[in-house]
Amino acid sequence: MTEKKGTNILIFVGWLSTLLAVISPSILAGAIAFCIGMVLKRDYGENRYGMVFMVLGVVSAIFGYALGPLLIWYMNQG
């Protein structure tokens, strides 16, 4: 299989959107990471990165939304 161009930029954008989904409560960033993982797995044959981005995109979006209310609750306890 020939190496397709653009794999490295997709991997970089995937990691960036995954980190952005953890830092800010944004479903959009998690969805972008999931979609990049799907493209990497299906079109580029990168099964390892594809599954990692699909799982981390969903988990980080859920984690970002769960972390916000917990922090607000903790700050109101004082």
PDB file of N, CA and C in Angstrom:
ATOM      1  N   MET A   1       0.835  -1.177   0.000  1.00  0.00           N
ATOM      2  CA  MET A   1       0.000   0.000   0.000  1.00  0.00           C
ATOM      3  C   MET A   1       0.879   1.240   0.000  1.00  0.00           C
ATOM      4  N   THR A   2       0.589   2.180  -0.851  1.00  0.00           N
ATOM      5  CA  THR A   2       1.390   3.385  -0.931  1.00  0.00           C
ATOM      6  C   THR A   2       1.017   4.327   0.206  1.00  0.00           C
ATOM      7  N   GLU A   3       1.985   5.092   0.630  1.00  0.00           N
ATOM      8  CA  GLU A   3       1.795   6.053   1.709  1.00  0.00           C
ATOM      9  C   GLU A   3       1.025   7.261   1.194  1.00  0.00           C
ATOM     10  N   LYS A   4      -0.093   7.561   1.808  1.00  0.00           N
ATOM     11  CA  LYS A   4      -0.877   8.726   1.408  1.00  0.00           C
ATOM     12  C   LYS A   4      -0.338   9.955   2.115  1.00  0.00           C
ATOM     13  N   LYS A   5      -0.372  11.081   1.430  1.00  0.00           N
ATOM     14  CA  LYS A   5       0.086  12.331   2.022  1.00  0.00           C
ATOM     15  C   LYS A   5      -0.993  12.867   2.953  1.00  0.00           C
ATOM     16  N   GLY A   6      -0.574  13.566   3.971  1.00  0.00           N
ATOM     17  CA  GLY A   6      -1.507  14.190   4.894  1.00  0.00           C
ATOM     18  C   GLY A   6      -1.774  13.395   6.152  1.00  0.00           C
ATOM     19  N   THR A   7      -1.131  12.260   6.313  1.00  0.00           N
ATOM     20  CA  THR A   7      -1.370  11.443   7.500  1.00  0.00           C
ATOM     21  C   THR A   7      -0.893  12.159   8.755  1.00  0.00           C
ATOM     22  N   ASN A   8       0.287  12.775   8.679  1.00  0.00           N
ATOM     23  CA  ASN A   8       0.849  13.442   9.854  1.00  0.00           C
ATOM     24  C   ASN A   8      -0.001  14.626  10.293  1.00  0.00           C
ATOM     25  N   ILE A   9      -0.526  15.384   9.361  1.00  0.00           N
ATOM     26  CA  ILE A   9      -1.350  16.531   9.729  1.00  0.00           C
ATOM     27  C   ILE A   9      -2.670  16.068  10.339  1.00  0.00           C
ATOM     28  N   LEU A  10      -3.225  14.971   9.857  1.00  0.00           N
ATOM     29  CA  LEU A  10      -4.444  14.436  10.453  1.00  0.00           C
ATOM     30  C   LEU A  10      -4.191  13.938  11.868  1.00  0.00           C
ATOM     31  N   ILE A  11      -3.060  13.311  12.087  1.00  0.00           N
ATOM     32  CA  ILE A  11      -2.716  12.843  13.436  1.00  0.00           C
ATOM     33  C   ILE A  11      -2.533  14.032  14.368  1.00  0.00           C
ATOM     34  N   PHE A  12      -1.878  15.085  13.907  1.00  0.00           N
ATOM     35  CA  PHE A  12      -1.682  16.280  14.721  1.00  0.00           C
ATOM     36  C   PHE A  12      -3.010  16.939  15.071  1.00  0.00           C
ATOM     37  N   VAL A  13      -3.885  17.101  14.107  1.00  0.00           N
ATOM     38  CA  VAL A  13      -5.192  17.720  14.349  1.00  0.00           C
ATOM     39  C   VAL A  13      -6.042  16.831  15.254  1.00  0.00           C
ATOM     40  N   GLY A  14      -5.909  15.527  15.128  1.00  0.00           N
ATOM     41  CA  GLY A  14      -6.630  14.609  16.001  1.00  0.00           C
ATOM     42  C   GLY A  14      -6.215  14.759  17.455  1.00  0.00           C
ATOM     43  N   TRP A  15      -4.907  14.818  17.708  1.00  0.00           N
ATOM     44  CA  TRP A  15      -4.437  15.006  19.081  1.00  0.00           C
ATOM     45  C   TRP A  15      -4.837  16.380  19.609  1.00  0.00           C
ATOM     46  N   LEU A  16      -4.756  17.390  18.763  1.00  0.00           N
ATOM     47  CA  LEU A  16      -5.125  18.743  19.185  1.00  0.00           C
ATOM     48  C   LEU A  16      -6.599  18.827  19.554  1.00  0.00           C
ATOM     49  N   SER A  17      -7.458  18.245  18.751  1.00  0.00           N
ATOM     50  CA  SER A  17      -8.887  18.298  19.055  1.00  0.00           C
ATOM     51  C   SER A  17      -9.234  17.440  20.269  1.00  0.00           C
ATOM     52  N   THR A  18      -8.512  16.355  20.498  1.00  0.00           N
ATOM     53  CA  THR A  18      -8.737  15.550  21.692  1.00  0.00           C
ATOM     54  C   THR A  18      -8.368  16.326  22.943  1.00  0.00           C
ATOM     55  N   LEU A  19      -7.239  17.005  22.916  1.00  0.00           N
ATOM     56  CA  LEU A  19      -6.844  17.825  24.060  1.00  0.00           C
ATOM     57  C   LEU A  19      -7.799  19.000  24.264  1.00  0.00           C
ATOM     58  N   LEU A  20      -8.261  19.584  23.185  1.00  0.00           N
ATOM     59  CA  LEU A  20      -9.209  20.687  23.288  1.00  0.00           C
ATOM     60  C   LEU A  20     -10.533  20.224  23.873  1.00  0.00           C
ATOM     61  N   ALA A  21     -10.935  19.010  23.593  1.00  0.00           N
ATOM     62  CA  ALA A  21     -12.182  18.475  24.157  1.00  0.00           C
ATOM     63  C   ALA A  21     -12.060  18.259  25.656  1.00  0.00           C
ATOM     64  N   VAL A  22     -10.856  17.966  26.146  1.00  0.00           N
ATOM     65  CA  VAL A  22     -10.666  17.799  27.586  1.00  0.00           C
ATOM     66  C   VAL A  22     -10.617  19.155  28.273  1.00  0.00           C
ATOM     67  N   ILE A  23      -9.918  20.110  27.683  1.00  0.00           N
ATOM     68  CA  ILE A  23      -9.733  21.417  28.309  1.00  0.00           C
ATOM     69  C   ILE A  23     -11.023  22.226  28.310  1.00  0.00           C
ATOM     70  N   SER A  24     -11.704  22.271  27.198  1.00  0.00           N
ATOM     71  CA  SER A  24     -12.952  23.027  27.121  1.00  0.00           C
ATOM     72  C   SER A  24     -14.111  22.056  26.913  1.00  0.00           C
ATOM     73  N   PRO A  25     -15.230  22.302  27.564  1.00  0.00           N
ATOM     74  CA  PRO A  25     -16.369  21.391  27.372  1.00  0.00           C
ATOM     75  C   PRO A  25     -16.995  21.604  26.000  1.00  0.00           C
ATOM     76  N   SER A  26     -16.436  20.964  25.021  1.00  0.00           N
ATOM     77  CA  SER A  26     -16.896  21.145  23.656  1.00  0.00           C
ATOM     78  C   SER A  26     -17.150  19.789  23.006  1.00  0.00           C
ATOM     79  N   ILE A  27     -18.396  19.554  22.669  1.00  0.00           N
ATOM     80  CA  ILE A  27     -18.714  18.316  21.964  1.00  0.00           C
ATOM     81  C   ILE A  27     -18.144  18.362  20.553  1.00  0.00           C
ATOM     82  N   LEU A  28     -18.044  19.554  19.990  1.00  0.00           N
ATOM     83  CA  LEU A  28     -17.529  19.700  18.633  1.00  0.00           C
ATOM     84  C   LEU A  28     -16.094  19.191  18.521  1.00  0.00           C
ATOM     85  N   ALA A  29     -15.251  19.502  19.496  1.00  0.00           N
ATOM     86  CA  ALA A  29     -13.864  19.031  19.452  1.00  0.00           C
ATOM     87  C   ALA A  29     -13.798  17.515  19.571  1.00  0.00           C
ATOM     88  N   GLY A  30     -14.636  16.929  20.400  1.00  0.00           N
ATOM     89  CA  GLY A  30     -14.687  15.473  20.501  1.00  0.00           C
ATOM     90  C   GLY A  30     -15.192  14.831  19.223  1.00  0.00           C
ATOM     91  N   ALA A  31     -16.175  15.480  18.583  1.00  0.00           N
ATOM     92  CA  ALA A  31     -16.696  14.963  17.321  1.00  0.00           C
ATOM     93  C   ALA A  31     -15.655  15.055  16.214  1.00  0.00           C
ATOM     94  N   ILE A  32     -14.875  16.122  16.219  1.00  0.00           N
ATOM     95  CA  ILE A  32     -13.808  16.262  15.222  1.00  0.00           C
ATOM     96  C   ILE A  32     -12.766  15.158  15.402  1.00  0.00           C
ATOM     97  N   ALA A  33     -12.388  14.893  16.651  1.00  0.00           N
ATOM     98  CA  ALA A  33     -11.424  13.815  16.913  1.00  0.00           C
ATOM     99  C   ALA A  33     -11.986  12.469  16.470  1.00  0.00           C
ATOM    100  N   PHE A  34     -13.270  12.237  16.719  1.00  0.00           N
ATOM    101  CA  PHE A  34     -13.900  10.983  16.308  1.00  0.00           C
ATOM    102  C   PHE A  34     -13.894  10.847  14.787  1.00  0.00           C
ATOM    103  N   CYS A  35     -14.246  11.926  14.089  1.00  0.00           N
ATOM    104  CA  CYS A  35     -14.289  11.884  12.621  1.00  0.00           C
ATOM    105  C   CYS A  35     -12.901  11.707  12.019  1.00  0.00           C
ATOM    106  N   ILE A  36     -11.901  12.360  12.599  1.00  0.00           N
ATOM    107  CA  ILE A  36     -10.531  12.184  12.105  1.00  0.00           C
ATOM    108  C   ILE A  36     -10.078  10.743  12.315  1.00  0.00           C
ATOM    109  N   GLY A  37     -10.455  10.164  13.439  1.00  0.00           N
ATOM    110  CA  GLY A  37     -10.129   8.758  13.680  1.00  0.00           C
ATOM    111  C   GLY A  37     -10.782   7.837  12.670  1.00  0.00           C
ATOM    112  N   MET A  38     -12.023   8.152  12.308  1.00  0.00           N
ATOM    113  CA  MET A  38     -12.717   7.336  11.321  1.00  0.00           C
ATOM    114  C   MET A  38     -12.058   7.448   9.947  1.00  0.00           C
ATOM    115  N   VAL A  39     -11.657   8.656   9.582  1.00  0.00           N
ATOM    116  CA  VAL A  39     -10.988   8.864   8.286  1.00  0.00           C
ATOM    117  C   VAL A  39      -9.638   8.156   8.274  1.00  0.00           C
ATOM    118  N   LEU A  40      -8.879   8.270   9.365  1.00  0.00           N
ATOM    119  CA  LEU A  40      -7.582   7.605   9.419  1.00  0.00           C
ATOM    120  C   LEU A  40      -7.727   6.096   9.331  1.00  0.00           C
ATOM    121  N   LYS A  41      -8.732   5.545   9.976  1.00  0.00           N
ATOM    122  CA  LYS A  41      -8.913   4.091   9.962  1.00  0.00           C
ATOM    123  C   LYS A  41      -9.408   3.598   8.615  1.00  0.00           C
ATOM    124  N   ARG A  42     -10.390   4.281   8.048  1.00  0.00           N
ATOM    125  CA  ARG A  42     -11.017   3.794   6.817  1.00  0.00           C
ATOM    126  C   ARG A  42     -10.201   4.119   5.572  1.00  0.00           C
ATOM    127  N   ASP A  43      -9.787   5.369   5.430  1.00  0.00           N
ATOM    128  CA  ASP A  43      -9.152   5.798   4.184  1.00  0.00           C
ATOM    129  C   ASP A  43      -7.634   5.645   4.170  1.00  0.00           C
ATOM    130  N   TYR A  44      -6.996   5.799   5.325  1.00  0.00           N
ATOM    131  CA  TYR A  44      -5.539   5.780   5.363  1.00  0.00           C
ATOM    132  C   TYR A  44      -4.963   4.470   5.881  1.00  0.00           C
ATOM    133  N   GLY A  45      -5.800   3.591   6.418  1.00  0.00           N
ATOM    134  CA  GLY A  45      -5.322   2.310   6.908  1.00  0.00           C
ATOM    135  C   GLY A  45      -4.574   2.388   8.219  1.00  0.00           C
ATOM    136  N   GLU A  46      -4.718   3.491   8.926  1.00  0.00           N
ATOM    137  CA  GLU A  46      -4.073   3.659  10.239  1.00  0.00           C
ATOM    138  C   GLU A  46      -5.035   3.172  11.321  1.00  0.00           C
ATOM    139  N   ASN A  47      -5.095   1.858  11.517  1.00  0.00           N
ATOM    140  CA  ASN A  47      -6.052   1.286  12.465  1.00  0.00           C
ATOM    141  C   ASN A  47      -5.772   1.696  13.900  1.00  0.00           C
ATOM    142  N   ARG A  48      -4.493   1.768  14.255  1.00  0.00           N
ATOM    143  CA  ARG A  48      -4.146   2.101  15.638  1.00  0.00           C
ATOM    144  C   ARG A  48      -4.562   3.520  15.986  1.00  0.00           C
ATOM    145  N   TYR A  49      -4.149   4.505  15.182  1.00  0.00           N
ATOM    146  CA  TYR A  49      -4.516   5.890  15.447  1.00  0.00           C
ATOM    147  C   TYR A  49      -6.014   6.113  15.275  1.00  0.00           C
ATOM    148  N   GLY A  50      -6.609   5.425  14.349  1.00  0.00           N
ATOM    149  CA  GLY A  50      -8.038   5.589  14.128  1.00  0.00           C
ATOM    150  C   GLY A  50      -8.853   5.208  15.348  1.00  0.00           C
ATOM    151  N   MET A  51      -8.576   4.056  15.918  1.00  0.00           N
ATOM    152  CA  MET A  51      -9.310   3.620  17.108  1.00  0.00           C
ATOM    153  C   MET A  51      -9.002   4.490  18.312  1.00  0.00           C
ATOM    154  N   VAL A  52      -7.757   4.915  18.443  1.00  0.00           N
ATOM    155  CA  VAL A  52      -7.381   5.776  19.569  1.00  0.00           C
ATOM    156  C   VAL A  52      -8.155   7.084  19.515  1.00  0.00           C
ATOM    157  N   PHE A  53      -8.230   7.706  18.345  1.00  0.00           N
ATOM    158  CA  PHE A  53      -8.929   8.984  18.241  1.00  0.00           C
ATOM    159  C   PHE A  53     -10.433   8.825  18.391  1.00  0.00           C
ATOM    160  N   MET A  54     -10.987   7.725  17.903  1.00  0.00           N
ATOM    161  CA  MET A  54     -12.426   7.530  18.060  1.00  0.00           C
ATOM    162  C   MET A  54     -12.790   7.342  19.538  1.00  0.00           C
ATOM    163  N   VAL A  55     -12.025   6.548  20.253  1.00  0.00           N
ATOM    164  CA  VAL A  55     -12.313   6.319  21.666  1.00  0.00           C
ATOM    165  C   VAL A  55     -12.026   7.576  22.485  1.00  0.00           C
ATOM    166  N   LEU A  56     -10.867   8.196  22.267  1.00  0.00           N
ATOM    167  CA  LEU A  56     -10.522   9.387  23.032  1.00  0.00           C
ATOM    168  C   LEU A  56     -11.427  10.575  22.719  1.00  0.00           C
ATOM    169  N   GLY A  57     -11.920  10.666  21.508  1.00  0.00           N
ATOM    170  CA  GLY A  57     -12.843  11.748  21.177  1.00  0.00           C
ATOM    171  C   GLY A  57     -14.118  11.666  21.986  1.00  0.00           C
ATOM    172  N   VAL A  58     -14.668  10.477  22.112  1.00  0.00           N
ATOM    173  CA  VAL A  58     -15.895  10.295  22.890  1.00  0.00           C
ATOM    174  C   VAL A  58     -15.612  10.454  24.386  1.00  0.00           C
ATOM    175  N   VAL A  59     -14.560   9.821  24.877  1.00  0.00           N
ATOM    176  CA  VAL A  59     -14.245   9.871  26.299  1.00  0.00           C
ATOM    177  C   VAL A  59     -13.890  11.286  26.743  1.00  0.00           C
ATOM    178  N   SER A  60     -13.108  12.003  25.958  1.00  0.00           N
ATOM    179  CA  SER A  60     -12.703  13.342  26.360  1.00  0.00           C
ATOM    180  C   SER A  60     -13.860  14.330  26.319  1.00  0.00           C
ATOM    181  N   ALA A  61     -14.795  14.154  25.396  1.00  0.00           N
ATOM    182  CA  ALA A  61     -15.971  15.031  25.370  1.00  0.00           C
ATOM    183  C   ALA A  61     -16.838  14.785  26.605  1.00  0.00           C
ATOM    184  N   ILE A  62     -17.019  13.523  26.981  1.00  0.00           N
ATOM    185  CA  ILE A  62     -17.796  13.212  28.187  1.00  0.00           C
ATOM    186  C   ILE A  62     -17.062  13.695  29.434  1.00  0.00           C
ATOM    187  N   PHE A  63     -15.764  13.507  29.479  1.00  0.00           N
ATOM    188  CA  PHE A  63     -14.961  13.923  30.626  1.00  0.00           C
ATOM    189  C   PHE A  63     -14.993  15.442  30.802  1.00  0.00           C
ATOM    190  N   GLY A  64     -14.948  16.174  29.699  1.00  0.00           N
ATOM    191  CA  GLY A  64     -14.998  17.633  29.777  1.00  0.00           C
ATOM    192  C   GLY A  64     -16.314  18.129  30.351  1.00  0.00           C
ATOM    193  N   TYR A  65     -17.414  17.527  29.956  1.00  0.00           N
ATOM    194  CA  TYR A  65     -18.709  17.921  30.487  1.00  0.00           C
ATOM    195  C   TYR A  65     -18.917  17.465  31.920  1.00  0.00           C
ATOM    196  N   ALA A  66     -18.316  16.372  32.326  1.00  0.00           N
ATOM    197  CA  ALA A  66     -18.461  15.891  33.695  1.00  0.00           C
ATOM    198  C   ALA A  66     -17.569  16.669  34.653  1.00  0.00           C
ATOM    199  N   LEU A  67     -16.433  17.122  34.186  1.00  0.00           N
ATOM    200  CA  LEU A  67     -15.488  17.815  35.043  1.00  0.00           C
ATOM    201  C   LEU A  67     -15.971  19.211  35.431  1.00  0.00           C
ATOM    202  N   GLY A  68     -16.642  19.910  34.532  1.00  0.00           N
ATOM    203  CA  GLY A  68     -17.118  21.272  34.802  1.00  0.00           C
ATOM    204  C   GLY A  68     -18.068  21.359  35.983  1.00  0.00           C
ATOM    205  N   PRO A  69     -19.174  20.607  35.992  1.00  0.00           N
ATOM    206  CA  PRO A  69     -20.077  20.665  37.148  1.00  0.00           C
ATOM    207  C   PRO A  69     -19.426  20.202  38.459  1.00  0.00           C
ATOM    208  N   LEU A  70     -18.509  19.240  38.382  1.00  0.00           N
ATOM    209  CA  LEU A  70     -17.826  18.808  39.595  1.00  0.00           C
ATOM    210  C   LEU A  70     -16.950  19.917  40.164  1.00  0.00           C
ATOM    211  N   LEU A  71     -16.280  20.658  39.294  1.00  0.00           N
ATOM    212  CA  LEU A  71     -15.461  21.777  39.770  1.00  0.00           C
ATOM    213  C   LEU A  71     -16.316  22.886  40.357  1.00  0.00           C
ATOM    214  N   ILE A  72     -17.445  23.181  39.740  1.00  0.00           N
ATOM    215  CA  ILE A  72     -18.338  24.217  40.262  1.00  0.00           C
ATOM    216  C   ILE A  72     -18.899  23.790  41.615  1.00  0.00           C
ATOM    217  N   TRP A  73     -19.297  22.531  41.742  1.00  0.00           N
ATOM    218  CA  TRP A  73     -19.798  22.033  43.021  1.00  0.00           C
ATOM    219  C   TRP A  73     -18.729  22.120  44.103  1.00  0.00           C
ATOM    220  N   TYR A  74     -17.500  21.760  43.769  1.00  0.00           N
ATOM    221  CA  TYR A  74     -16.421  21.803  44.736  1.00  0.00           C
ATOM    222  C   TYR A  74     -16.111  23.226  45.169  1.00  0.00           C
ATOM    223  N   MET A  75     -16.152  24.171  44.242  1.00  0.00           N
ATOM    224  CA  MET A  75     -15.868  25.568  44.573  1.00  0.00           C
ATOM    225  C   MET A  75     -16.982  26.186  45.419  1.00  0.00           C
ATOM    226  N   ASN A  76     -18.201  25.743  45.266  1.00  0.00           N
ATOM    227  CA  ASN A  76     -19.305  26.266  46.061  1.00  0.00           C
ATOM    228  C   ASN A  76     -19.336  25.696  47.475  1.00  0.00           C
ATOM    229  N   GLN A  77     -18.595  24.628  47.743  1.00  0.00           N
ATOM    230  CA  GLN A  77     -18.588  24.043  49.067  1.00  0.00           C
ATOM    231  C   GLN A  77     -17.839  24.905  50.075  1.00  0.00           C
ATOM    232  N   GLY A  78     -16.926  25.741  49.616  1.00  0.00           N
ATOM    233  CA  GLY A  78     -16.077  26.544  50.506  1.00  0.00           C
ATOM    234  C   GLY A  78     -16.738  27.749  50.974  1.00  0.00           C
TER     235      GLY A  78
END
